């Protein structure tokens, strides 16, 4: 019995290891990485949905993958999950040297910084990782996946947290012809993209906390600590209206208040 259990455990471990792979590709002259998770139920005879999972600013693909336990969703739904790594971003601030922002997606946001240092006014613009071709990289990942697996091209999804949510909106606006749905958590539309017209209709789930301390709900302001707070995108309500208008959804929302089951002073509505 003990031997049989050991063999069963090793078999399950082998399936898990085979399902998750870290892949590398060179894109735009830069070596890029992503985690690929293929559910154990995958069969080449049945098209599978593909979900991209995008981490937040300064985070890593490994942390995002482990923290979300997204493999459970992949196994339950039969989806292929792709969890890529953004490139590091630093900016040379006049008189203050290089400032490291960690891993950042090129989300289409410019921060117009205006503050004083030692009594001297400083004004400059920071466009978040503008040299990174993240759109091309993510599409290349999709093409590589389609070349290896039987992908349901009507079921390509993006889920992103914080800056990953911003990037999900950018992909939806510019590549809605290949993306069916996105879920943006604590991320909105970057301030350089607000005048764009999406290429196609996309299902959008927008999740945001009204008391978010990193990016404000009402103004989409990001706090840069001693440098002040600056707009980085379209406020949440306007982001929702952007998609509602384009997708021609009903003006009257259907609001559902979820039960307050925890004594944590937090409530949730949809």
Protein backbone atom coordinates (compact mmCIF):
# COMPACT_ATOMS: atom_id res chain seq x y z
CA UNK A 1 0.00 0.00 0.00
CA UNK A 2 2.80 2.38 0.96
CA UNK A 3 4.63 1.64 -2.30
CA UNK A 4 1.46 2.24 -4.33
CA UNK A 5 0.88 5.59 -2.60
CA UNK A 6 4.49 6.62 -3.29
CA UNK A 7 4.14 5.76 -6.97
CA UNK A 8 0.85 7.67 -7.15
CA UNK A 9 2.44 10.73 -5.50
CA UNK A 10 5.41 10.63 -7.89
CA UNK A 11 3.06 10.37 -10.85
CA UNK A 12 1.10 13.43 -9.72
CA UNK A 13 4.36 15.35 -9.18
CA UNK A 14 5.54 14.41 -12.66
CA UNK A 15 2.29 15.66 -14.20
CA UNK A 16 2.62 18.94 -12.29
CA UNK A 17 6.22 19.45 -13.37
CA UNK A 18 5.39 18.69 -16.99
CA UNK A 19 2.46 21.10 -16.92
CA UNK A 20 4.56 24.11 -15.84
CA UNK A 21 7.49 25.27 -17.97
CA UNK A 22 9.59 28.43 -18.01
CA UNK A 23 10.19 29.48 -21.60
CA UNK A 24 12.58 31.99 -23.15
CA UNK A 25 12.33 33.88 -26.41
CA UNK A 26 14.30 36.71 -27.94
CA UNK A 27 12.04 39.58 -28.90
CA UNK A 28 13.14 42.98 -30.21
CA UNK A 29 16.74 42.00 -29.45
CA UNK A 30 15.97 41.26 -25.78
CA UNK A 31 15.72 37.89 -24.05
CA UNK A 32 12.26 37.57 -22.53
CA UNK A 33 10.80 34.90 -20.25
CA UNK A 34 7.37 33.56 -19.38
CA UNK A 35 5.81 30.69 -17.48
CA UNK A 36 3.64 28.35 -19.51
CA UNK A 37 1.15 26.11 -17.72
CA UNK A 38 -0.68 23.47 -19.72
CA UNK A 39 -3.50 21.67 -17.85
CA UNK A 40 -3.12 17.93 -17.46
CA UNK A 41 -6.46 17.50 -19.25
CA UNK A 42 -5.16 19.15 -22.44
CA UNK A 43 -5.74 17.16 -25.62
CA UNK A 44 -4.68 18.22 -29.09
CA UNK A 45 -8.10 17.13 -30.32
CA UNK A 46 -9.85 19.81 -28.26
CA UNK A 47 -9.11 23.56 -28.68
CA UNK A 48 -8.04 25.17 -25.39
CA UNK A 49 -8.53 28.73 -24.17
CA UNK A 50 -5.40 30.78 -23.40
CA UNK A 51 -5.16 33.16 -20.47
CA UNK A 52 -2.35 35.68 -20.00
CA UNK A 53 -1.59 36.57 -16.37
CA UNK A 54 0.29 39.89 -15.98
CA UNK A 55 2.05 40.90 -12.76
CA UNK A 56 2.16 44.36 -11.22
CA UNK A 57 4.90 46.99 -11.04
CA UNK A 58 8.12 45.68 -9.46
CA UNK A 59 6.80 42.13 -9.23
CA UNK A 60 7.90 38.92 -10.97
CA UNK A 61 6.16 36.27 -13.02
CA UNK A 62 7.14 33.60 -10.48
CA UNK A 63 5.61 35.49 -7.57
CA UNK A 64 2.44 36.27 -9.54
CA UNK A 65 2.06 32.65 -10.62
CA UNK A 66 2.56 31.27 -7.11
CA UNK A 67 0.56 33.95 -5.27
CA UNK A 68 -2.54 33.51 -7.45
CA UNK A 69 -2.34 29.70 -7.53
CA UNK A 70 -3.55 30.13 -11.08
CA UNK A 71 -2.76 26.50 -11.91
CA UNK A 72 -5.92 25.55 -10.01
CA UNK A 73 -8.00 27.66 -12.41
CA UNK A 74 -6.11 26.18 -15.36
CA UNK A 75 -6.89 22.66 -14.22
CA UNK A 76 -10.53 23.42 -13.43
CA UNK A 77 -11.24 25.24 -16.69
CA UNK A 78 -8.83 23.41 -18.99
CA UNK A 79 -7.08 26.65 -19.93
CA UNK A 80 -3.47 27.18 -20.97
CA UNK A 81 -1.95 29.92 -18.79
CA UNK A 82 0.90 32.20 -19.87
CA UNK A 83 2.54 34.33 -17.17
CA UNK A 84 5.23 36.63 -18.64
CA UNK A 85 7.96 38.77 -17.06
CA UNK A 86 8.12 42.54 -17.67
CA UNK A 87 11.45 44.29 -18.20
CA UNK A 88 13.15 46.36 -15.50
CA UNK A 89 12.77 50.12 -15.84
CA UNK A 90 14.96 52.90 -14.51
CA UNK A 91 14.96 56.64 -15.19
CA UNK A 92 17.71 59.24 -14.90
CA UNK A 93 16.27 62.15 -12.92
CA UNK A 94 18.20 65.40 -13.42
CA UNK A 95 20.37 66.08 -10.39
CA UNK A 96 19.14 63.00 -8.53
CA UNK A 97 20.61 60.16 -10.54
CA UNK A 98 19.04 56.94 -11.71
CA UNK A 99 15.79 55.86 -10.09
CA UNK A 100 14.86 52.18 -10.25
CA UNK A 101 11.16 51.35 -10.70
CA UNK A 102 11.59 47.59 -11.00
CA UNK A 103 9.81 45.47 -13.61
CA UNK A 104 7.27 47.58 -15.54
CA UNK A 105 5.05 47.04 -18.53
CA UNK A 106 4.92 49.65 -21.29
CA UNK A 107 1.31 50.52 -20.50
CA UNK A 108 0.95 53.81 -22.39
CA UNK A 109 1.30 56.13 -19.39
CA UNK A 110 3.35 59.29 -18.96
CA UNK A 111 3.95 60.82 -15.54
CA UNK A 112 4.37 64.60 -15.69
CA UNK A 113 6.60 65.17 -12.66
CA UNK A 114 6.77 68.66 -11.13
CA UNK A 115 8.42 69.14 -7.73
CA UNK A 116 11.24 70.96 -5.93
CA UNK A 117 14.57 69.53 -4.76
CA UNK A 118 16.76 71.57 -2.39
CA UNK A 119 14.78 74.66 -3.38
CA UNK A 120 15.18 74.11 -7.13
CA UNK A 121 12.09 73.35 -9.25
CA UNK A 122 12.28 70.19 -11.37
CA UNK A 123 9.87 69.41 -14.20
CA UNK A 124 10.16 66.39 -16.46
CA UNK A 125 8.09 63.66 -18.08
CA UNK A 126 8.52 59.94 -17.42
CA UNK A 127 6.91 57.55 -19.89
CA UNK A 128 6.80 54.13 -18.28
CA UNK A 129 9.24 51.76 -20.05
CA UNK A 130 8.44 53.29 -23.44
CA UNK A 131 11.26 51.43 -25.23
CA UNK A 132 9.90 47.99 -24.34
CA UNK A 133 7.86 46.36 -27.12
CA UNK A 134 5.58 44.51 -24.73
CA UNK A 135 2.67 44.38 -27.16
CA UNK A 136 4.82 42.60 -29.72
CA UNK A 137 6.25 40.26 -27.08
CA UNK A 138 2.83 39.21 -25.79
CA UNK A 139 1.51 38.62 -29.31
CA UNK A 140 4.63 36.61 -30.15
CA UNK A 141 3.96 34.46 -27.06
CA UNK A 142 0.46 33.82 -28.35
CA UNK A 143 1.74 32.84 -31.80
CA UNK A 144 4.31 30.48 -30.26
CA UNK A 145 1.57 28.87 -28.19
CA UNK A 146 -0.71 28.49 -31.20
CA UNK A 147 2.13 26.83 -33.11
CA UNK A 148 2.57 24.23 -30.36
CA UNK A 149 -0.98 23.66 -29.10
CA UNK A 150 -4.53 23.56 -30.39
CA UNK A 151 -5.71 27.02 -29.26
CA UNK A 152 -9.29 28.23 -29.31
CA UNK A 153 -8.72 31.57 -31.02
CA UNK A 154 -12.09 32.86 -29.78
CA UNK A 155 -11.00 32.38 -26.18
CA UNK A 156 -7.88 34.46 -25.59
CA UNK A 157 -8.05 36.23 -22.22
CA UNK A 158 -5.89 38.74 -20.34
CA UNK A 159 -5.88 39.15 -16.56
CA UNK A 160 -3.63 41.75 -14.95
CA UNK A 161 -3.01 43.22 -11.53
CA UNK A 162 -2.10 46.92 -11.07
CA UNK A 163 0.30 47.80 -13.92
CA UNK A 164 -0.61 44.41 -15.39
CA UNK A 165 -4.21 45.64 -15.44
CA UNK A 166 -3.09 48.75 -17.33
CA UNK A 167 -1.32 46.49 -19.84
CA UNK A 168 -4.43 44.34 -20.22
CA UNK A 169 -6.41 47.44 -21.20
CA UNK A 170 -3.72 48.43 -23.71
CA UNK A 171 -3.81 44.99 -25.31
CA UNK A 172 -7.61 45.09 -25.46
CA UNK A 173 -7.65 48.51 -27.13
CA UNK A 174 -5.01 47.71 -29.73
CA UNK A 175 -5.57 43.99 -30.25
CA UNK A 176 -9.23 43.31 -29.59
CA UNK A 177 -9.29 41.44 -32.88
CA UNK A 178 -7.37 38.59 -31.20
CA UNK A 179 -8.42 39.10 -27.56
CA UNK A 180 -11.88 38.12 -26.37
CA UNK A 181 -11.91 39.30 -22.75
CA UNK A 182 -9.83 41.05 -20.09
CA UNK A 183 -10.01 41.42 -16.32
CA UNK A 184 -8.15 44.44 -14.95
CA UNK A 185 -7.59 44.42 -11.18
CA UNK A 186 -6.43 47.74 -9.70
CA UNK A 187 -5.43 48.94 -13.17
CA UNK A 188 -7.06 51.35 -15.63
CA UNK A 189 -6.44 52.78 -19.11
CA UNK A 190 -3.09 54.57 -19.43
CA UNK A 191 -3.28 58.34 -19.94
CA UNK A 192 -1.70 58.17 -23.41
CA UNK A 193 -4.39 55.81 -24.70
CA UNK A 194 -7.55 57.68 -23.76
CA UNK A 195 -8.16 59.11 -27.26
CA UNK A 196 -7.68 55.80 -29.06
CA UNK A 197 -10.53 53.84 -30.59
CA UNK A 198 -10.44 50.09 -29.84
CA UNK A 199 -10.03 47.87 -32.87
CA UNK A 200 -12.89 45.60 -31.81
CA UNK A 201 -15.34 44.85 -29.01
CA UNK A 202 -13.84 43.18 -25.93
CA UNK A 203 -15.52 41.87 -22.79
CA UNK A 204 -14.11 43.85 -19.85
CA UNK A 205 -14.20 43.11 -16.13
CA UNK A 206 -12.94 46.09 -14.10
CA UNK A 207 -12.12 45.46 -10.43
CA UNK A 208 -10.92 48.31 -8.23
CA UNK A 209 -10.97 49.24 -4.55
CA UNK A 210 -12.36 52.67 -3.70
CA UNK A 211 -9.71 53.03 -0.95
CA UNK A 212 -6.76 51.90 -3.07
CA UNK A 213 -3.63 53.50 -1.58
CA UNK A 214 -1.36 52.97 -4.61
CA UNK A 215 -3.53 54.29 -7.44
CA UNK A 216 -6.47 56.46 -6.42
CA UNK A 217 -9.97 55.44 -7.48
CA UNK A 218 -11.26 58.94 -8.31
CA UNK A 219 -8.23 60.44 -10.08
CA UNK A 220 -5.90 57.55 -11.08
CA UNK A 221 -3.08 59.24 -9.17
CA UNK A 222 0.02 57.23 -8.35
CA UNK A 223 2.11 58.21 -5.33
CA UNK A 224 5.83 58.59 -5.98
CA UNK A 225 6.56 59.19 -2.29
CA UNK A 226 8.70 62.32 -1.87
CA UNK A 227 8.17 63.28 -5.53
CA UNK A 228 4.41 63.71 -5.03
CA UNK A 229 1.32 62.15 -6.64
CA UNK A 230 0.66 62.23 -10.38
CA UNK A 231 -1.98 61.07 -12.83
CA UNK A 232 -1.12 57.85 -14.63
CA UNK A 233 -4.38 57.00 -16.37
CA UNK A 234 -8.09 57.37 -16.83
CA UNK A 235 -9.99 57.29 -13.49
CA UNK A 236 -11.92 54.10 -12.77
CA UNK A 237 -15.42 55.38 -13.55
CA UNK A 238 -14.20 56.93 -16.80
CA UNK A 239 -12.39 53.72 -17.74
CA UNK A 240 -15.66 51.81 -17.30
CA UNK A 241 -17.49 54.46 -19.33
CA UNK A 242 -14.84 54.25 -22.08
CA UNK A 243 -15.63 50.57 -22.62
CA UNK A 244 -19.36 50.90 -21.95
CA UNK A 245 -19.64 53.49 -24.72
CA UNK A 246 -17.52 51.61 -27.23
CA UNK A 247 -19.16 48.24 -26.53
CA UNK A 248 -22.60 49.93 -26.63
CA UNK A 249 -23.67 48.52 -23.27
CA UNK A 250 -26.81 49.69 -21.50
CA UNK A 251 -26.45 52.99 -19.67
CA UNK A 252 -28.32 51.70 -16.62
CA UNK A 253 -26.01 49.39 -14.66
CA UNK A 254 -27.13 46.24 -12.87
CA UNK A 255 -25.72 46.54 -9.35
CA UNK A 256 -25.38 43.58 -7.01
CA UNK A 257 -24.26 44.05 -3.40
CA UNK A 258 -22.48 41.00 -2.05
CA UNK A 259 -23.06 39.83 1.56
CA UNK A 260 -20.69 41.32 4.13
CA UNK A 261 -19.45 38.02 5.59
CA UNK A 262 -16.21 39.21 7.23
CA UNK A 263 -15.73 41.75 9.99
CA UNK A 264 -13.06 43.69 8.05
CA UNK A 265 -14.88 46.97 7.22
CA UNK A 266 -14.81 46.00 3.52
CA UNK A 267 -17.73 45.44 1.17
CA UNK A 268 -17.94 44.26 -2.43
CA UNK A 269 -20.38 45.19 -5.14
CA UNK A 270 -20.64 44.43 -8.83
